Amino acid sequence: MTATTAPDNTRLDALSREFEQDASFNLVFVVLTVGSSLIATLGLLGNSTSVVIGAMVVAPWIMPLQAMAFEILRGRLPMFLRALRTLLLGVVICMLLAMVLGRLVAFPTFGSEVMNRTSPNLLDLGVALVSGAVAMFAKLRRDAISALAGLAIAVALVPPMCVIGILLASSLWVEAYGALLLFATNLLGIMVGAMAALAALERVDRSRLFRSRLGLTSVGLTALLVIPLGSSFLRLLNQSRQESKAKDVEQVIEQRLRSSTITLGGDPAIDLVGLSIDWQKNPPLIRAQVRVTDPFLPTSAQVASVQAFINKTQSPLRFRLVVQRIAVDLIGPETAPNPPSLELMPPPPLPPLPQQQQAKNN
């Protein structure tokens, strides 16, 4: 036995004992699982981000998951099954508690903390892979142990499982499938990332990464997730582009109304204060908010004329314009104008009338 082999074996023995402890289904694991599940479920039902983050920090599931990654590379199937059993028992406890609380509360609708976990995409897989790798690095390098709390927040297993239980209690099957996909993404991503980090950091495990059937199976299952996650990512990307395009159109319309129309841009009695477009309507509905000193302005004919101008400039897209006016009263006594010598900012010269401009050109 060489001098370098002995320290490696000693280190591997120490790691094996640690991961065996992490794979144990004991009182600590049960208490932390129950606590994190209850905290996460209550936080999700209350739509409280801070409470859900607290549950992520308490959750102990990263330990058996890292043990599974280690045992895959070591080729110890019994220990892998032991860690898998521990994780599955935690999943069952979490789902049952979430279903019970979800049934007791029976909310007709849920907030963003629940619904945001029903549509994972490729970005979530990337986060899980990186987090799994960094978590294993922190496990192997004691001076990086402080990063584990942040990693627990970055990628979590308990909140998606709680969301599954809540949604199943309300018979929301499609949304529950989305949360299950997020859970599977985080689970496999963390495990594959941890295996990759372990193989990179421990030279004795480098040759085993692609020789392990369980390792190849985990990588294959993770690759299969790219199909539904990629489809969701493309939908998200398309939605983002559509929202950006709609915002640009809204800004162009507002700018043209202010600069190219008398009704909403040049009439001192009408002040355009805001504009929004409801793209769910067909044709899209433009709501223009104005403050007016004359409660009868703008007239229906003026609004129709502005709408025709919008449709002409945005052709072939057609819009419907609705003006919401707020009448204001101007109160104040009349005051004589200042002489020109006292004016700090003289008014700009008026543009020439069309007849005068034509005479100059001739």
Protein backbone atom coordinates (compact mmCIF):
# COMPACT_ATOMS: atom_id res chain seq x y z
CA MET A 1 0.00 0.00 0.00
CA THR A 2 1.44 3.35 -1.05
CA ALA A 3 1.62 6.45 1.09
CA THR A 4 -1.09 8.21 -0.92
CA THR A 5 -3.46 5.23 -0.88
CA ALA A 6 -3.64 5.02 2.91
CA PRO A 7 -4.91 8.61 3.43
CA ASP A 8 -7.42 8.11 0.61
CA ASN A 9 -8.78 4.96 2.23
CA THR A 10 -8.94 6.65 5.61
CA ARG A 11 -10.82 9.59 4.08
CA LEU A 12 -13.23 7.27 2.25
CA ASP A 13 -13.91 5.33 5.46
CA ALA A 14 -14.70 8.56 7.28
CA LEU A 15 -16.99 9.70 4.46
CA SER A 16 -18.72 6.34 4.40
CA ARG A 17 -19.51 6.56 8.09
CA GLU A 18 -20.85 10.10 7.67
CA PHE A 19 -23.08 9.17 4.75
CA GLU A 20 -24.31 6.08 6.56
CA GLN A 21 -25.42 8.36 9.37
CA ASP A 22 -27.05 10.74 6.85
CA ALA A 23 -28.96 7.81 5.33
CA SER A 24 -30.47 6.77 8.67
CA PHE A 25 -34.18 7.07 9.32
CA ASN A 26 -34.00 8.27 12.90
CA LEU A 27 -35.80 10.57 15.31
CA VAL A 28 -33.89 13.65 14.17
CA PHE A 29 -34.85 13.05 10.54
CA VAL A 30 -38.51 12.50 11.46
CA VAL A 31 -38.76 15.59 13.67
CA LEU A 32 -37.10 17.83 11.09
CA THR A 33 -39.26 16.39 8.31
CA VAL A 34 -42.47 16.93 10.25
CA GLY A 35 -41.42 20.42 11.30
CA SER A 36 -40.32 21.54 7.86
CA SER A 37 -43.44 20.04 6.25
CA LEU A 38 -45.79 21.84 8.64
CA ILE A 39 -43.89 25.13 8.32
CA ALA A 40 -43.77 24.90 4.53
CA THR A 41 -47.45 23.96 4.18
CA LEU A 42 -48.61 26.77 6.45
CA GLY A 43 -46.33 29.21 4.67
CA LEU A 44 -47.62 28.12 1.27
CA LEU A 45 -51.24 28.40 2.36
CA GLY A 46 -50.54 31.83 3.86
CA ASN A 47 -48.55 32.85 0.76
CA SER A 48 -45.62 33.85 2.98
CA THR A 49 -42.22 33.72 1.28
CA SER A 50 -40.25 34.13 4.51
CA VAL A 51 -42.02 31.21 6.19
CA VAL A 52 -41.39 28.93 3.21
CA ILE A 53 -37.72 29.91 3.24
CA GLY A 54 -37.58 28.95 6.91
CA ALA A 55 -38.95 25.52 6.06
CA MET A 56 -36.28 25.09 3.38
CA VAL A 57 -33.53 25.65 5.94
CA VAL A 58 -35.05 23.17 8.41
CA ALA A 59 -35.63 20.38 5.86
CA PRO A 60 -33.17 17.44 6.22
CA TRP A 61 -33.72 15.73 2.84
CA ILE A 62 -30.44 16.85 1.32
CA MET A 63 -28.61 14.41 3.62
CA PRO A 64 -30.07 11.11 2.34
CA LEU A 65 -29.94 12.50 -1.20
CA GLN A 66 -26.20 13.14 -0.91
CA ALA A 67 -25.80 9.70 0.62
CA MET A 68 -27.56 8.21 -2.42
CA ALA A 69 -25.10 9.99 -4.74
CA PHE A 70 -22.13 8.73 -2.71
CA GLU A 71 -23.38 5.13 -2.57
CA ILE A 72 -24.06 5.09 -6.32
CA LEU A 73 -20.42 5.87 -7.03
CA ARG A 74 -19.22 3.43 -4.35
CA GLY A 75 -21.45 0.71 -5.82
CA ARG A 76 -23.01 -0.18 -2.46
CA LEU A 77 -26.58 -1.01 -3.39
CA PRO A 78 -27.81 -1.88 0.15
CA MET A 79 -26.71 1.50 1.49
CA PHE A 80 -28.22 3.24 -1.52
CA LEU A 81 -31.55 1.52 -0.86
CA ARG A 82 -31.32 2.50 2.80
CA ALA A 83 -30.89 6.18 1.89
CA LEU A 84 -33.67 5.89 -0.70
CA ARG A 85 -36.01 4.37 1.90
CA THR A 86 -35.27 7.22 4.29
CA LEU A 87 -36.04 9.81 1.61
CA LEU A 88 -39.24 8.06 0.50
CA LEU A 89 -40.51 7.83 4.09
CA GLY A 90 -39.88 11.55 4.46
CA VAL A 91 -41.79 12.19 1.22
CA VAL A 92 -44.76 10.16 2.45
CA ILE A 93 -44.84 12.00 5.79
CA CYS A 94 -44.63 15.36 4.07
CA MET A 95 -47.36 14.63 1.52
CA LEU A 96 -49.79 13.25 4.12
CA LEU A 97 -49.34 16.27 6.38
CA ALA A 98 -49.79 18.67 3.45
CA MET A 99 -52.93 16.86 2.27
CA VAL A 100 -54.45 16.95 5.75
CA LEU A 101 -53.76 20.66 6.21
CA GLY A 102 -54.92 21.40 2.68
CA ARG A 103 -58.17 19.55 3.29
CA LEU A 104 -58.74 21.30 6.62
CA VAL A 105 -58.13 24.78 5.22
CA ALA A 106 -59.83 24.11 1.86
CA PHE A 107 -58.94 27.40 0.18
CA PRO A 108 -60.81 27.93 -3.12
CA THR A 109 -57.74 29.59 -4.65
CA PHE A 110 -54.05 29.68 -3.85
CA GLY A 111 -51.42 32.41 -3.90
CA SER A 112 -48.25 32.78 -5.89
CA GLU A 113 -46.15 30.68 -3.49
CA VAL A 114 -48.19 27.62 -4.50
CA MET A 115 -48.81 28.35 -8.18
CA ASN A 116 -45.22 29.39 -8.93
CA ARG A 117 -44.16 25.83 -8.14
CA THR A 118 -46.41 24.24 -10.77
CA SER A 119 -44.54 25.25 -13.94
CA PRO A 120 -40.84 24.30 -13.79
CA ASN A 121 -38.49 24.79 -16.74
CA LEU A 122 -34.88 24.25 -17.76
CA LEU A 123 -33.72 27.03 -15.47
CA ASP A 124 -34.89 25.00 -12.45
CA LEU A 125 -32.90 22.01 -13.66
CA GLY A 126 -29.80 24.17 -14.02
CA VAL A 127 -30.22 25.50 -10.49
CA ALA A 128 -30.65 21.95 -9.12
CA LEU A 129 -27.53 20.64 -10.88
CA VAL A 130 -25.33 23.49 -9.67
CA SER A 131 -26.78 23.35 -6.16
CA GLY A 132 -26.19 19.60 -5.92
CA ALA A 133 -22.59 20.03 -6.99
CA VAL A 134 -21.92 22.89 -4.56
CA ALA A 135 -23.69 21.02 -1.72
CA MET A 136 -21.40 18.02 -2.22
CA PHE A 137 -18.39 20.35 -2.35
CA ALA A 138 -19.48 21.87 0.96
CA LYS A 139 -19.88 18.38 2.38
CA LEU A 140 -16.35 17.40 1.41
CA ARG A 141 -14.73 20.72 2.29
CA ARG A 142 -15.48 21.72 5.86
CA ASP A 143 -14.50 25.35 5.32
CA ALA A 144 -17.44 25.70 2.88
CA ILE A 145 -20.07 24.26 5.24
CA SER A 146 -21.62 27.71 5.74
CA ALA A 147 -22.96 27.57 2.17
CA LEU A 148 -25.40 24.75 2.95
CA ALA A 149 -28.11 27.05 4.33
CA GLY A 150 -28.07 29.15 1.18
CA LEU A 151 -28.16 26.03 -0.98
CA ALA A 152 -31.18 24.75 0.92
CA ILE A 153 -32.97 27.97 -0.03
CA ALA A 154 -31.76 27.94 -3.65
CA VAL A 155 -33.16 24.50 -4.42
CA ALA A 156 -35.66 22.77 -2.15
CA LEU A 157 -37.52 19.47 -2.04
CA VAL A 158 -40.02 19.94 0.78
CA PRO A 159 -42.04 22.92 -0.59
CA PRO A 160 -42.79 21.26 -3.98
CA MET A 161 -43.91 18.11 -2.18
CA CYS A 162 -46.12 20.18 0.12
CA VAL A 163 -47.60 21.86 -2.95
CA ILE A 164 -48.40 18.42 -4.37
CA GLY A 165 -50.26 17.47 -1.20
CA ILE A 166 -52.16 20.77 -1.08
CA LEU A 167 -53.22 20.53 -4.73
CA LEU A 168 -54.18 16.86 -4.48
CA ALA A 169 -56.41 17.74 -1.51
CA SER A 170 -58.18 20.22 -3.79
CA SER A 171 -58.31 17.78 -6.76
CA LEU A 172 -56.14 20.05 -8.93
CA TRP A 173 -54.49 17.22 -10.84
CA VAL A 174 -52.80 19.17 -13.63
CA GLU A 175 -51.22 21.67 -11.24
CA ALA A 176 -50.14 18.80 -8.95
CA TYR A 177 -48.36 17.20 -11.92
CA GLY A 178 -46.43 20.42 -12.47
CA ALA A 179 -45.32 20.44 -8.82
CA LEU A 180 -44.34 16.76 -9.12
CA LEU A 181 -42.22 17.62 -12.15
CA LEU A 182 -40.47 20.34 -10.12
CA PHE A 183 -39.83 17.86 -7.28
CA ALA A 184 -38.38 15.29 -9.71
CA THR A 185 -36.24 18.02 -11.30
CA ASN A 186 -34.79 19.10 -7.97
CA LEU A 187 -34.33 15.51 -6.79
CA LEU A 188 -32.49 14.22 -9.86
CA GLY A 189 -30.65 17.49 -10.44
CA ILE A 190 -29.24 17.55 -6.92
CA MET A 191 -28.22 13.89 -7.09
CA VAL A 192 -26.55 14.12 -10.51
CA GLY A 193 -24.80 17.36 -9.57
CA ALA A 194 -23.58 15.78 -6.35
CA MET A 195 -22.25 12.73 -8.21
CA ALA A 196 -20.43 14.96 -10.70
CA ALA A 197 -18.84 16.99 -7.90
CA LEU A 198 -17.86 13.86 -6.00
CA ALA A 199 -16.25 12.36 -9.08
CA ALA A 200 -14.39 15.60 -9.78
CA LEU A 201 -13.12 16.03 -6.22
CA GLU A 202 -12.34 12.41 -5.31
CA ARG A 203 -10.04 10.76 -7.85
CA VAL A 204 -10.98 7.26 -6.70
CA ASP A 205 -14.54 7.89 -7.87
CA ARG A 206 -13.79 9.44 -11.27
CA SER A 207 -13.68 6.15 -13.14
CA ARG A 208 -16.89 4.94 -11.48
CA LEU A 209 -19.20 7.76 -12.62
CA PHE A 210 -19.99 6.20 -16.00
CA ARG A 211 -19.49 2.59 -14.96
CA SER A 212 -22.30 2.61 -12.41
CA ARG A 213 -25.65 1.45 -13.74
CA LEU A 214 -27.49 3.46 -11.12
CA GLY A 215 -25.41 6.50 -12.02
CA LEU A 216 -26.16 6.13 -15.73
CA THR A 217 -29.84 5.58 -14.93
CA SER A 218 -29.94 8.78 -12.87
CA VAL A 219 -28.25 10.73 -15.65
CA GLY A 220 -30.66 9.24 -18.20
CA LEU A 221 -33.73 10.14 -16.15
CA THR A 222 -32.38 13.66 -15.72
CA ALA A 223 -31.87 13.93 -19.47
CA LEU A 224 -35.47 12.84 -20.05
CA LEU A 225 -36.64 15.77 -17.96
CA VAL A 226 -35.23 18.09 -20.61
CA ILE A 227 -38.25 17.33 -22.84
CA PRO A 228 -41.07 18.68 -20.60
CA LEU A 229 -38.81 21.29 -19.01
CA GLY A 230 -37.62 22.51 -22.41
CA SER A 231 -41.19 22.83 -23.63
CA SER A 232 -42.09 24.88 -20.55
CA PHE A 233 -38.98 27.04 -21.03
CA LEU A 234 -39.90 27.77 -24.66
CA ARG A 235 -43.40 28.82 -23.56
CA LEU A 236 -41.88 31.09 -20.93
CA LEU A 237 -39.49 32.58 -23.49
CA ASN A 238 -42.30 33.17 -25.97
CA GLN A 239 -44.45 34.79 -23.30
CA SER A 240 -41.59 37.08 -22.30
CA ARG A 241 -41.10 38.16 -25.91
CA GLN A 242 -44.80 38.83 -26.34
CA GLU A 243 -44.93 40.90 -23.16
CA SER A 244 -41.89 42.91 -24.30
CA LYS A 245 -43.46 43.52 -27.71
CA ALA A 246 -46.77 44.55 -26.13
CA LYS A 247 -44.97 46.99 -23.82
CA ASP A 248 -43.14 48.53 -26.78
CA VAL A 249 -46.41 48.97 -28.70
CA GLU A 250 -48.01 50.58 -25.64
CA GLN A 251 -45.14 53.06 -25.30
CA VAL A 252 -45.25 53.94 -29.02
CA ILE A 253 -49.00 54.55 -28.91
CA GLU A 254 -48.76 56.76 -25.83
CA GLN A 255 -45.88 58.76 -27.33
CA ARG A 256 -47.78 59.32 -30.58
CA LEU A 257 -50.94 60.36 -28.75
CA ARG A 258 -48.96 62.99 -26.85
CA SER A 259 -47.00 64.29 -29.83
CA SER A 260 -49.31 63.84 -32.82
CA THR A 261 -52.87 64.43 -31.60
CA ILE A 262 -54.53 67.64 -30.48
CA THR A 263 -57.16 65.90 -28.38
CA LEU A 264 -54.76 64.03 -26.06
CA GLY A 265 -51.58 65.97 -26.69
CA GLY A 266 -52.29 69.58 -27.57
CA ASP A 267 -55.51 70.57 -25.84
CA PRO A 268 -54.68 72.41 -22.57
CA ALA A 269 -58.05 71.34 -21.15
CA ILE A 270 -57.14 67.64 -21.45
CA ASP A 271 -54.16 66.13 -19.61
CA LEU A 272 -53.24 62.53 -20.50
CA VAL A 273 -52.02 60.97 -17.22
CA GLY A 274 -51.81 57.29 -18.12
CA LEU A 275 -52.46 54.62 -20.71
CA SER A 276 -52.87 50.86 -20.52
CA ILE A 277 -53.80 48.14 -23.00
CA ASP A 278 -55.86 45.05 -22.21
CA TRP A 279 -54.45 42.50 -24.67
CA GLN A 280 -56.95 39.85 -23.56
CA LYS A 281 -59.69 41.69 -25.44
CA ASN A 282 -60.22 41.40 -29.18
CA PRO A 283 -59.60 44.00 -30.46
CA PRO A 284 -57.18 45.07 -27.71
CA LEU A 285 -58.74 47.68 -25.44
CA ILE A 286 -56.81 50.91 -24.83
CA ARG A 287 -57.74 52.73 -21.63
CA ALA A 288 -56.52 56.32 -21.55
CA GLN A 289 -56.83 58.16 -18.24
CA VAL A 290 -57.18 61.94 -18.59
CA ARG A 291 -57.73 64.90 -16.28
CA VAL A 292 -59.99 67.55 -17.80
CA THR A 293 -61.05 71.03 -16.78
CA ASP A 294 -64.08 70.78 -19.08
CA PRO A 295 -66.26 67.81 -18.04
CA PHE A 296 -67.60 67.47 -21.60
CA LEU A 297 -64.19 66.88 -23.15
CA PRO A 298 -63.13 64.88 -24.96
CA THR A 299 -66.27 64.33 -27.01
CA SER A 300 -67.28 61.01 -28.55
CA ALA A 301 -66.31 62.35 -31.97
CA GLN A 302 -62.85 63.29 -30.71
CA VAL A 303 -62.32 59.85 -29.16
CA ALA A 304 -63.45 58.21 -32.40
CA SER A 305 -61.02 60.38 -34.35
CA VAL A 306 -58.13 59.46 -32.02
CA GLN A 307 -59.05 55.77 -32.30
CA ALA A 308 -59.00 56.06 -36.11
CA PHE A 309 -55.56 57.67 -35.89
CA ILE A 310 -54.26 54.81 -33.69
CA ASN A 311 -55.62 52.14 -36.02
CA LYS A 312 -54.12 53.92 -39.03
CA THR A 313 -50.64 54.11 -37.48
CA GLN A 314 -50.78 50.53 -36.10
CA SER A 315 -52.36 48.95 -39.20
CA PRO A 316 -53.18 46.11 -39.75
CA LEU A 317 -53.67 45.74 -35.97
CA ARG A 318 -56.91 47.34 -34.76
CA PHE A 319 -57.63 48.76 -31.30
CA ARG A 320 -60.60 50.06 -29.38
CA LEU A 321 -60.06 53.28 -27.41
CA VAL A 322 -61.86 54.15 -24.19
CA VAL A 323 -61.11 57.41 -22.39
CA GLN A 324 -61.60 57.57 -18.64
CA ARG A 325 -61.84 61.22 -17.66
CA ILE A 326 -61.50 62.83 -14.27
CA ALA A 327 -62.91 66.35 -14.08
CA VAL A 328 -60.89 68.88 -12.06
CA ASP A 329 -61.71 72.47 -11.13
CA LEU A 330 -59.09 75.21 -11.56
CA ILE A 331 -59.50 77.73 -8.75
CA GLY A 332 -57.53 80.97 -8.59
CA PRO A 333 -57.92 84.72 -9.28
CA GLU A 334 -56.93 86.30 -12.56
CA THR A 335 -53.54 88.07 -12.53
CA ALA A 336 -52.18 90.63 -14.96
CA PRO A 337 -49.25 89.35 -17.08
CA ASN A 338 -45.69 90.41 -16.30
CA PRO A 339 -43.90 92.78 -18.69
CA PRO A 340 -41.46 91.06 -21.10
CA SER A 341 -38.44 92.44 -19.24
CA LEU A 342 -39.37 90.46 -16.10
CA GLU A 343 -39.97 87.12 -17.77
CA LEU A 344 -37.38 84.56 -16.66
CA MET A 345 -38.33 82.00 -19.31
CA PRO A 346 -40.03 83.61 -22.31
CA PRO A 347 -42.50 81.39 -24.16
CA PRO A 348 -41.18 79.61 -27.26
CA PRO A 349 -42.07 81.15 -30.61
CA LEU A 350 -45.21 79.80 -32.21
CA PRO A 351 -44.77 77.70 -35.38
CA PRO A 352 -45.71 79.51 -38.60
CA LEU A 353 -49.18 79.01 -39.97
CA PRO A 354 -49.47 76.79 -43.06
CA GLN A 355 -50.24 79.76 -45.30
CA GLN A 356 -47.12 81.62 -44.11
CA GLN A 357 -44.92 78.55 -44.58
CA GLN A 358 -46.27 78.09 -48.11
CA ALA A 359 -45.59 81.76 -48.97
CA LYS A 360 -41.97 81.39 -47.77
CA ASN A 361 -41.45 78.29 -49.88
CA ASN A 362 -42.77 80.15 -52.95
